[in-house]
Amino acid sequence: MGQFIRKAVLIALGAIWLLPVYLMIVNAGKTNADYGLTSPWQPTSLGGLMDNAMTAWERGDLADGVVATLLYAIISPLIAVIIGAMAGFSIVALRLRNGFVWFTIIFSSTVFPIQMVLMPLFIGYVETDLYDSKLGMILLYTVISVPFSAFVMRNFFSGIAYQVFEAAVMDGASPWRIFWRIYVPMSRPALVAIFILQATFIWNDLLLGLTLTQSKENRPIVTLLSALQTTYGGSTMPVVLAGGLLVSLPTVILFMATQRSFTRGLALGQF
């Protein structure tokens, strides 16, 4: 009986979670005439889905956003997971002096919401010529991703017996070699999980891209998509929703392709 109730609750929660997806797909497939005359809950033939998607792709210049966002979503999480793994390795395996203090300093940056530092961040980017540049966005996304990476990797490395490190030292391995040849391969699932989470965050970012970029070549794709809804964008709601479907596809494919590694990394990383 308890298992039946649990399954029923999970099915109900899944259905509630899928309702926005249903509304998005149904309304993205409507023509402009259908959208104005039918209820948002009423499905149609979805005949306008491809036309709406093509209109969003061309009018929103989403091709430029895909290139820029792929650059941000690959390079920044990759650098962040390496730095986070190094920080966790230093604190746990190398027994860094005042390691917990250093960990607290690294992780304390997540205490304050990003909205608090947007204005000084904007001024600093303008003064250092990092505003509206790919380098500036990569640096920012990397810095934002490091604390969480360090947090997870510290927890993960804490679960590895210290005798592993001592045995490698007795065999003559250097700390650098121990890190790359032993600890990194052992932590691959956790690294993959962190990478996926941070890449998804960067792909879906709107606020930072809207604040620190201006040109279409440097703006993240969600920021370009949001421009379709403005007065100057002039796009109808079905076009905007179809663009949203296009933008969300890469992250869905990423999760589906790496779900086993992601699930395993969540469990091992002790999120």
C-alpha atoms as a PDB file:
ATOM      1  CA  MET A   1       0.000   0.000   0.000  1.00  0.00           C
ATOM      2  CA  GLY A   2       2.806   2.392   0.893  1.00  0.00           C
ATOM      3  CA  GLN A   3       4.567   1.725  -2.401  1.00  0.00           C
ATOM      4  CA  PHE A   4       1.358   2.380  -4.341  1.00  0.00           C
ATOM      5  CA  ILE A   5       0.856   5.712  -2.576  1.00  0.00           C
ATOM      6  CA  ARG A   6       4.459   6.675  -3.252  1.00  0.00           C
ATOM      7  CA  LYS A   7       4.097   5.916  -6.969  1.00  0.00           C
ATOM      8  CA  ALA A   8       0.810   7.809  -7.135  1.00  0.00           C
ATOM      9  CA  VAL A   9       2.372  10.860  -5.512  1.00  0.00           C
ATOM     10  CA  LEU A  10       5.366  10.737  -7.874  1.00  0.00           C
ATOM     11  CA  ILE A  11       3.078  10.416 -10.905  1.00  0.00           C
ATOM     12  CA  ALA A  12       0.980  13.350  -9.714  1.00  0.00           C
ATOM     13  CA  LEU A  13       4.061  15.500  -9.111  1.00  0.00           C
ATOM     14  CA  GLY A  14       5.440  14.511 -12.517  1.00  0.00           C
ATOM     15  CA  ALA A  15       2.180  15.502 -14.198  1.00  0.00           C
ATOM     16  CA  ILE A  16       2.203  18.878 -12.438  1.00  0.00           C
ATOM     17  CA  TRP A  17       5.823  19.428 -13.515  1.00  0.00           C
ATOM     18  CA  LEU A  18       4.947  18.571 -17.124  1.00  0.00           C
ATOM     19  CA  LEU A  19       1.997  20.982 -17.330  1.00  0.00           C
ATOM     20  CA  PRO A  20       4.165  24.002 -18.302  1.00  0.00           C
ATOM     21  CA  VAL A  21       5.899  21.834 -20.918  1.00  0.00           C
ATOM     22  CA  TYR A  22       2.518  20.848 -22.329  1.00  0.00           C
ATOM     23  CA  LEU A  23       1.388  24.479 -22.498  1.00  0.00           C
ATOM     24  CA  MET A  24       4.648  25.487 -24.136  1.00  0.00           C
ATOM     25  CA  ILE A  25       4.464  22.829 -26.859  1.00  0.00           C
ATOM     26  CA  VAL A  26       0.745  23.290 -27.546  1.00  0.00           C
ATOM     27  CA  ASN A  27       0.978  27.068 -27.900  1.00  0.00           C
ATOM     28  CA  ALA A  28       4.282  27.040 -29.778  1.00  0.00           C
ATOM     29  CA  GLY A  29       2.614  24.968 -32.493  1.00  0.00           C
ATOM     30  CA  LYS A  30      -0.292  27.349 -33.035  1.00  0.00           C
ATOM     31  CA  THR A  31      -0.535  29.867 -35.811  1.00  0.00           C
ATOM     32  CA  ASN A  32      -1.165  33.483 -34.884  1.00  0.00           C
ATOM     33  CA  ALA A  33      -4.847  33.086 -35.742  1.00  0.00           C
ATOM     34  CA  ASP A  34      -5.233  29.923 -33.677  1.00  0.00           C
ATOM     35  CA  TYR A  35      -3.491  31.448 -30.673  1.00  0.00           C
ATOM     36  CA  GLY A  36      -5.915  34.345 -30.520  1.00  0.00           C
ATOM     37  CA  LEU A  37      -9.050  32.276 -31.009  1.00  0.00           C
ATOM     38  CA  THR A  38      -8.422  29.147 -28.932  1.00  0.00           C
ATOM     39  CA  SER A  39      -7.789  28.508 -25.287  1.00  0.00           C
ATOM     40  CA  PRO A  40      -4.125  28.131 -24.212  1.00  0.00           C
ATOM     41  CA  TRP A  41      -5.028  24.644 -22.968  1.00  0.00           C
ATOM     42  CA  GLN A  42      -6.634  23.581 -26.236  1.00  0.00           C
ATOM     43  CA  PRO A  43      -4.260  21.681 -28.553  1.00  0.00           C
ATOM     44  CA  THR A  44      -4.261  22.173 -32.313  1.00  0.00           C
ATOM     45  CA  SER A  45      -2.541  20.344 -35.133  1.00  0.00           C
ATOM     46  CA  LEU A  46       0.847  21.906 -34.214  1.00  0.00           C
ATOM     47  CA  GLY A  47       1.113  22.927 -37.854  1.00  0.00           C
ATOM     48  CA  GLY A  48       2.786  26.206 -37.054  1.00  0.00           C
ATOM     49  CA  LEU A  49       5.575  24.776 -34.901  1.00  0.00           C
ATOM     50  CA  MET A  50       8.261  24.595 -37.574  1.00  0.00           C
ATOM     51  CA  ASP A  51       7.395  28.011 -39.040  1.00  0.00           C
ATOM     52  CA  ASN A  52       7.405  29.604 -35.586  1.00  0.00           C
ATOM     53  CA  ALA A  53      10.730  27.964 -34.735  1.00  0.00           C
ATOM     54  CA  MET A  54      12.330  29.181 -37.971  1.00  0.00           C
ATOM     55  CA  THR A  55      10.977  32.681 -37.398  1.00  0.00           C
ATOM     56  CA  ALA A  56      12.416  32.744 -33.865  1.00  0.00           C
ATOM     57  CA  TRP A  57      15.757  31.414 -35.095  1.00  0.00           C
ATOM     58  CA  GLU A  58      16.092  34.028 -37.846  1.00  0.00           C
ATOM     59  CA  ARG A  59      14.532  37.044 -36.141  1.00  0.00           C
ATOM     60  CA  GLY A  60      16.334  36.476 -32.856  1.00  0.00           C
ATOM     61  CA  ASP A  61      19.731  35.754 -34.458  1.00  0.00           C
ATOM     62  CA  LEU A  62      19.883  32.666 -32.257  1.00  0.00           C
ATOM     63  CA  ALA A  63      22.729  31.165 -34.294  1.00  0.00           C
ATOM     64  CA  ASP A  64      25.137  33.744 -32.840  1.00  0.00           C
ATOM     65  CA  GLY A  65      23.781  33.024 -29.366  1.00  0.00           C
ATOM     66  CA  VAL A  66      24.331  29.285 -29.766  1.00  0.00           C
ATOM     67  CA  VAL A  67      27.997  29.777 -30.671  1.00  0.00           C
ATOM     68  CA  ALA A  68      28.657  32.175 -27.794  1.00  0.00           C
ATOM     69  CA  THR A  69      26.712  30.164 -25.216  1.00  0.00           C
ATOM     70  CA  LEU A  70      28.377  26.893 -26.198  1.00  0.00           C
ATOM     71  CA  LEU A  71      31.719  28.607 -25.653  1.00  0.00           C
ATOM     72  CA  TYR A  72      30.661  29.830 -22.204  1.00  0.00           C
ATOM     73  CA  ALA A  73      28.929  26.584 -21.193  1.00  0.00           C
ATOM     74  CA  ILE A  74      31.908  24.390 -22.093  1.00  0.00           C
ATOM     75  CA  ILE A  75      35.004  26.394 -21.168  1.00  0.00           C
ATOM     76  CA  SER A  76      33.815  27.947 -17.891  1.00  0.00           C
ATOM     77  CA  PRO A  77      32.500  24.753 -16.202  1.00  0.00           C
ATOM     78  CA  LEU A  78      35.557  22.850 -17.413  1.00  0.00           C
ATOM     79  CA  ILE A  79      37.923  25.330 -15.792  1.00  0.00           C
ATOM     80  CA  ALA A  80      35.726  25.525 -12.688  1.00  0.00           C
ATOM     81  CA  VAL A  81      35.633  21.767 -12.070  1.00  0.00           C
ATOM     82  CA  ILE A  82      39.420  21.563 -12.401  1.00  0.00           C
ATOM     83  CA  ILE A  83      39.966  24.443  -9.966  1.00  0.00           C
ATOM     84  CA  GLY A  84      37.329  23.040  -7.596  1.00  0.00           C
ATOM     85  CA  ALA A  85      38.925  19.598  -7.712  1.00  0.00           C
ATOM     86  CA  MET A  86      42.339  21.112  -6.981  1.00  0.00           C
ATOM     87  CA  ALA A  87      40.909  23.052  -4.042  1.00  0.00           C
ATOM     88  CA  GLY A  88      39.204  19.969  -2.630  1.00  0.00           C
ATOM     89  CA  PHE A  89      42.352  17.889  -3.107  1.00  0.00           C
ATOM     90  CA  SER A  90      44.494  20.499  -1.349  1.00  0.00           C
ATOM     91  CA  ILE A  91      42.141  20.735   1.614  1.00  0.00           C
ATOM     92  CA  VAL A  92      41.475  17.013   2.080  1.00  0.00           C
ATOM     93  CA  ALA A  93      44.479  15.103   0.747  1.00  0.00           C
ATOM     94  CA  LEU A  94      47.308  17.598   1.203  1.00  0.00           C
ATOM     95  CA  ARG A  95      45.925  18.642   4.603  1.00  0.00           C
ATOM     96  CA  LEU A  96      46.277  22.331   3.758  1.00  0.00           C
ATOM     97  CA  ARG A  97      46.939  24.451   6.814  1.00  0.00           C
ATOM     98  CA  ASN A  98      43.722  26.188   7.902  1.00  0.00           C
ATOM     99  CA  GLY A  99      42.009  24.240   5.148  1.00  0.00           C
ATOM    100  CA  PHE A 100      38.528  24.727   6.543  1.00  0.00           C
ATOM    101  CA  VAL A 101      39.095  28.477   6.706  1.00  0.00           C
ATOM    102  CA  TRP A 102      40.124  28.508   3.051  1.00  0.00           C
ATOM    103  CA  PHE A 103      37.104  26.403   2.167  1.00  0.00           C
ATOM    104  CA  THR A 104      34.825  28.808   4.047  1.00  0.00           C
ATOM    105  CA  ILE A 105      36.335  31.762   2.200  1.00  0.00           C
ATOM    106  CA  ILE A 106      35.804  30.076  -1.168  1.00  0.00           C
ATOM    107  CA  PHE A 107      32.244  29.008  -0.433  1.00  0.00           C
ATOM    108  CA  SER A 108      31.246  32.270   1.304  1.00  0.00           C
ATOM    109  CA  SER A 109      30.909  33.954  -2.085  1.00  0.00           C
ATOM    110  CA  THR A 110      27.650  32.038  -2.573  1.00  0.00           C
ATOM    111  CA  VAL A 111      26.069  33.695   0.467  1.00  0.00           C
ATOM    112  CA  PHE A 112      25.368  36.971  -1.322  1.00  0.00           C
ATOM    113  CA  PRO A 113      22.948  37.070  -4.261  1.00  0.00           C
ATOM    114  CA  ILE A 114      24.457  38.120  -7.559  1.00  0.00           C
ATOM    115  CA  GLN A 115      22.033  41.058  -7.748  1.00  0.00           C
ATOM    116  CA  MET A 116      23.963  42.763  -4.921  1.00  0.00           C
ATOM    117  CA  VAL A 117      27.145  43.024  -6.979  1.00  0.00           C
ATOM    118  CA  LEU A 118      25.694  43.699 -10.418  1.00  0.00           C
ATOM    119  CA  MET A 119      26.335  47.438 -10.338  1.00  0.00           C
ATOM    120  CA  PRO A 120      29.987  47.306  -9.155  1.00  0.00           C
ATOM    121  CA  LEU A 121      30.513  44.360 -11.497  1.00  0.00           C
ATOM    122  CA  PHE A 122      29.149  46.376 -14.415  1.00  0.00           C
ATOM    123  CA  ILE A 123      31.348  49.378 -13.557  1.00  0.00           C
ATOM    124  CA  GLY A 124      34.416  47.188 -13.148  1.00  0.00           C
ATOM    125  CA  TYR A 125      33.812  45.462 -16.484  1.00  0.00           C
ATOM    126  CA  VAL A 126      33.443  48.792 -18.270  1.00  0.00           C
ATOM    127  CA  GLU A 127      36.637  50.187 -16.718  1.00  0.00           C
ATOM    128  CA  THR A 128      38.679  47.082 -17.588  1.00  0.00           C
ATOM    129  CA  ASP A 129      37.290  46.703 -21.131  1.00  0.00           C
ATOM    130  CA  LEU A 130      35.716  43.357 -20.273  1.00  0.00           C
ATOM    131  CA  TYR A 131      32.190  44.594 -20.934  1.00  0.00           C
ATOM    132  CA  ASP A 132      30.551  42.945 -23.936  1.00  0.00           C
ATOM    133  CA  SER A 133      33.401  40.500 -24.467  1.00  0.00           C
ATOM    134  CA  LYS A 134      33.554  36.721 -24.543  1.00  0.00           C
ATOM    135  CA  LEU A 135      36.591  36.749 -22.237  1.00  0.00           C
ATOM    136  CA  GLY A 136      34.689  38.729 -19.625  1.00  0.00           C
ATOM    137  CA  MET A 137      31.751  36.310 -19.670  1.00  0.00           C
ATOM    138  CA  ILE A 138      34.019  33.259 -19.470  1.00  0.00           C
ATOM    139  CA  LEU A 139      35.837  34.739 -16.467  1.00  0.00           C
ATOM    140  CA  LEU A 140      32.581  35.598 -14.716  1.00  0.00           C
ATOM    141  CA  TYR A 141      30.925  32.238 -15.275  1.00  0.00           C
ATOM    142  CA  THR A 142      34.100  30.463 -14.136  1.00  0.00           C
ATOM    143  CA  VAL A 143      34.302  32.444 -10.903  1.00  0.00           C
ATOM    144  CA  ILE A 144      30.632  31.793 -10.169  1.00  0.00           C
ATOM    145  CA  SER A 145      31.026  28.049 -10.771  1.00  0.00           C
ATOM    146  CA  VAL A 146      34.170  27.500  -8.657  1.00  0.00           C
ATOM    147  CA  PRO A 147      32.612  27.640  -5.125  1.00  0.00           C
ATOM    148  CA  PHE A 148      30.044  24.949  -5.836  1.00  0.00           C
ATOM    149  CA  SER A 149      32.676  22.800  -7.550  1.00  0.00           C
ATOM    150  CA  ALA A 150      34.996  23.129  -4.579  1.00  0.00           C
ATOM    151  CA  PHE A 151      32.170  22.291  -2.180  1.00  0.00           C
ATOM    152  CA  VAL A 152      31.211  19.081  -3.976  1.00  0.00           C
ATOM    153  CA  MET A 153      34.787  17.941  -4.612  1.00  0.00           C
ATOM    154  CA  ARG A 154      35.783  18.514  -0.985  1.00  0.00           C
ATOM    155  CA  ASN A 155      32.880  16.312   0.095  1.00  0.00           C
ATOM    156  CA  PHE A 156      33.786  13.695  -2.493  1.00  0.00           C
ATOM    157  CA  PHE A 157      37.473  13.549  -1.614  1.00  0.00           C
ATOM    158  CA  SER A 158      36.576  13.309   2.082  1.00  0.00           C
ATOM    159  CA  GLY A 159      35.055   9.929   1.278  1.00  0.00           C
ATOM    160  CA  ILE A 160      38.330   8.593  -0.144  1.00  0.00           C
ATOM    161  CA  ALA A 161      40.487   6.884   2.464  1.00  0.00           C
ATOM    162  CA  TYR A 162      43.584   8.915   3.295  1.00  0.00           C
ATOM    163  CA  GLN A 163      45.579   5.695   3.077  1.00  0.00           C
ATOM    164  CA  VAL A 164      45.237   5.921  -0.706  1.00  0.00           C
ATOM    165  CA  PHE A 165      47.219   9.148  -0.689  1.00  0.00           C
ATOM    166  CA  GLU A 166      49.766   7.787   1.781  1.00  0.00           C
ATOM    167  CA  ALA A 167      50.282   4.625  -0.272  1.00  0.00           C
ATOM    168  CA  ALA A 168      50.890   6.677  -3.416  1.00  0.00           C
ATOM    169  CA  VAL A 169      53.408   8.851  -1.564  1.00  0.00           C
ATOM    170  CA  MET A 170      55.210   5.740  -0.328  1.00  0.00           C
ATOM    171  CA  ASP A 171      55.475   4.576  -3.954  1.00  0.00           C
ATOM    172  CA  GLY A 172      57.207   7.845  -4.813  1.00  0.00           C
ATOM    173  CA  ALA A 173      54.377   9.651  -6.588  1.00  0.00           C
ATOM    174  CA  SER A 174      54.302  13.446  -6.405  1.00  0.00           C
ATOM    175  CA  PRO A 175      51.136  15.274  -5.253  1.00  0.00           C
ATOM    176  CA  TRP A 176      50.571  16.474  -8.801  1.00  0.00           C
ATOM    177  CA  ARG A 177      50.778  12.931 -10.153  1.00  0.00           C
ATOM    178  CA  ILE A 178      48.551  11.588  -7.383  1.00  0.00           C
ATOM    179  CA  PHE A 179      45.936  14.203  -8.204  1.00  0.00           C
ATOM    180  CA  TRP A 180      45.810  13.559 -11.948  1.00  0.00           C
ATOM    181  CA  ARG A 181      46.397   9.801 -11.987  1.00  0.00           C
ATOM    182  CA  ILE A 182      44.422   8.670  -8.912  1.00  0.00           C
ATOM    183  CA  TYR A 183      42.008  11.262  -7.544  1.00  0.00           C
ATOM    184  CA  VAL A 184      40.704  12.720 -10.820  1.00  0.00           C
ATOM    185  CA  PRO A 185      39.861   9.302 -12.383  1.00  0.00           C
ATOM    186  CA  MET A 186      38.161   8.231  -9.160  1.00  0.00           C
ATOM    187  CA  SER A 187      36.056  11.392  -9.080  1.00  0.00           C
ATOM    188  CA  ARG A 188      34.974  11.372 -12.729  1.00  0.00           C
ATOM    189  CA  PRO A 189      31.230  10.879 -11.991  1.00  0.00           C
ATOM    190  CA  ALA A 190      31.221  13.809  -9.569  1.00  0.00           C
ATOM    191  CA  LEU A 191      33.129  15.975 -12.053  1.00  0.00           C
ATOM    192  CA  VAL A 192      30.616  15.119 -14.777  1.00  0.00           C
ATOM    193  CA  ALA A 193      27.675  15.961 -12.505  1.00  0.00           C
ATOM    194  CA  ILE A 194      29.187  19.327 -11.566  1.00  0.00           C
ATOM    195  CA  PHE A 195      29.955  20.106 -15.189  1.00  0.00           C
ATOM    196  CA  ILE A 196      26.383  19.341 -16.264  1.00  0.00           C
ATOM    197  CA  LEU A 197      24.827  21.452 -13.512  1.00  0.00           C
ATOM    198  CA  GLN A 198      27.079  24.443 -14.161  1.00  0.00           C
ATOM    199  CA  ALA A 199      26.744  24.170 -17.937  1.00  0.00           C
ATOM    200  CA  THR A 200      22.958  24.139 -17.571  1.00  0.00           C
ATOM    201  CA  PHE A 201      23.063  27.208 -15.314  1.00  0.00           C
ATOM    202  CA  ILE A 202      25.206  29.092 -17.835  1.00  0.00           C
ATOM    203  CA  TRP A 203      23.027  28.029 -20.769  1.00  0.00           C
ATOM    204  CA  ASN A 204      19.893  29.294 -19.005  1.00  0.00           C
ATOM    205  CA  ASP A 205      21.419  32.534 -17.703  1.00  0.00           C
ATOM    206  CA  LEU A 206      19.522  35.721 -18.490  1.00  0.00           C
ATOM    207  CA  LEU A 207      20.520  38.288 -15.875  1.00  0.00           C
ATOM    208  CA  LEU A 208      24.296  38.336 -16.349  1.00  0.00           C
ATOM    209  CA  GLY A 209      24.084  38.212 -20.122  1.00  0.00           C
ATOM    210  CA  LEU A 210      21.564  41.043 -20.142  1.00  0.00           C
ATOM    211  CA  THR A 211      23.725  43.183 -17.850  1.00  0.00           C
ATOM    212  CA  LEU A 212      27.249  42.585 -19.150  1.00  0.00           C
ATOM    213  CA  THR A 213      26.797  42.070 -22.893  1.00  0.00           C
ATOM    214  CA  GLN A 214      25.310  44.120 -25.678  1.00  0.00           C
ATOM    215  CA  SER A 215      26.253  42.726 -29.086  1.00  0.00           C
ATOM    216  CA  LYS A 216      24.529  39.702 -30.581  1.00  0.00           C
ATOM    217  CA  GLU A 217      27.879  37.954 -31.064  1.00  0.00           C
ATOM    218  CA  ASN A 218      28.583  37.946 -27.313  1.00  0.00           C
ATOM    219  CA  ARG A 219      25.138  37.666 -25.745  1.00  0.00           C
ATOM    220  CA  PRO A 220      24.008  34.303 -24.337  1.00  0.00           C
ATOM    221  CA  ILE A 221      21.189  32.656 -26.218  1.00  0.00           C
ATOM    222  CA  VAL A 222      18.519  33.145 -23.525  1.00  0.00           C
ATOM    223  CA  THR A 223      19.246  36.877 -23.534  1.00  0.00           C
ATOM    224  CA  LEU A 224      18.737  36.972 -27.301  1.00  0.00           C
ATOM    225  CA  LEU A 225      15.536  34.983 -26.912  1.00  0.00           C
ATOM    226  CA  SER A 226      14.201  37.466 -24.361  1.00  0.00           C
ATOM    227  CA  ALA A 227      14.635  40.265 -26.921  1.00  0.00           C
ATOM    228  CA  LEU A 228      11.903  38.663 -29.021  1.00  0.00           C
ATOM    229  CA  GLN A 229       9.368  39.606 -26.350  1.00  0.00           C
ATOM    230  CA  THR A 230      10.255  43.298 -26.254  1.00  0.00           C
ATOM    231  CA  THR A 231       8.438  46.064 -28.087  1.00  0.00           C
ATOM    232  CA  TYR A 232      11.209  46.222 -30.662  1.00  0.00           C
ATOM    233  CA  GLY A 233      11.306  42.459 -31.059  1.00  0.00           C
ATOM    234  CA  GLY A 234       7.702  42.449 -32.182  1.00  0.00           C
ATOM    235  CA  SER A 235       7.298  38.656 -32.113  1.00  0.00           C
ATOM    236  CA  THR A 236       4.070  36.902 -31.270  1.00  0.00           C
ATOM    237  CA  MET A 237       3.809  34.534 -28.339  1.00  0.00           C
ATOM    238  CA  PRO A 238       3.837  31.323 -30.442  1.00  0.00           C
ATOM    239  CA  VAL A 239       7.137  32.454 -32.002  1.00  0.00           C
ATOM    240  CA  VAL A 240       8.641  33.194 -28.593  1.00  0.00           C
ATOM    241  CA  LEU A 241       7.504  29.842 -27.206  1.00  0.00           C
ATOM    242  CA  ALA A 242       8.892  27.998 -30.229  1.00  0.00           C
ATOM    243  CA  GLY A 243      12.197  29.779 -29.664  1.00  0.00           C
ATOM    244  CA  GLY A 244      12.076  28.663 -26.045  1.00  0.00           C
ATOM    245  CA  LEU A 245      11.693  25.062 -27.181  1.00  0.00           C
ATOM    246  CA  LEU A 246      14.724  25.406 -29.446  1.00  0.00           C
ATOM    247  CA  VAL A 247      16.792  26.908 -26.645  1.00  0.00           C
ATOM    248  CA  SER A 248      15.850  24.193 -24.152  1.00  0.00           C
ATOM    249  CA  LEU A 249      16.636  21.254 -26.446  1.00  0.00           C
ATOM    250  CA  PRO A 250      20.446  21.169 -25.885  1.00  0.00           C
ATOM    251  CA  THR A 251      20.137  20.891 -22.101  1.00  0.00           C
ATOM    252  CA  VAL A 252      17.470  18.189 -22.414  1.00  0.00           C
ATOM    253  CA  ILE A 253      19.690  16.215 -24.781  1.00  0.00           C
ATOM    254  CA  LEU A 254      22.659  16.702 -22.450  1.00  0.00           C
ATOM    255  CA  PHE A 255      20.768  15.321 -19.453  1.00  0.00           C
ATOM    256  CA  MET A 256      19.399  12.373 -21.426  1.00  0.00           C
ATOM    257  CA  ALA A 257      22.831  11.482 -22.808  1.00  0.00           C
ATOM    258  CA  THR A 258      24.583  11.661 -19.441  1.00  0.00           C
ATOM    259  CA  GLN A 259      21.832  10.681 -17.005  1.00  0.00           C
ATOM    260  CA  ARG A 260      23.669   7.638 -15.637  1.00  0.00           C
ATOM    261  CA  SER A 261      26.878   9.534 -14.948  1.00  0.00           C
ATOM    262  CA  PHE A 262      24.884  12.453 -13.579  1.00  0.00           C
ATOM    263  CA  THR A 263      22.859  10.305 -11.178  1.00  0.00           C
ATOM    264  CA  ARG A 264      25.954   8.477 -10.006  1.00  0.00           C
ATOM    265  CA  GLY A 265      27.797  11.743  -9.505  1.00  0.00           C
ATOM    266  CA  LEU A 266      24.940  13.151  -7.427  1.00  0.00           C
ATOM    267  CA  ALA A 267      25.071  10.109  -5.140  1.00  0.00           C
ATOM    268  CA  LEU A 268      28.855   9.979  -4.804  1.00  0.00           C
ATOM    269  CA  GLY A 269      29.280  13.727  -4.520  1.00  0.00           C
ATOM    270  CA  GLN A 270      26.902  13.912  -1.538  1.00  0.00           C
ATOM    271  CA  PHE A 271      25.085  17.032  -2.777  1.00  0.00           C
END
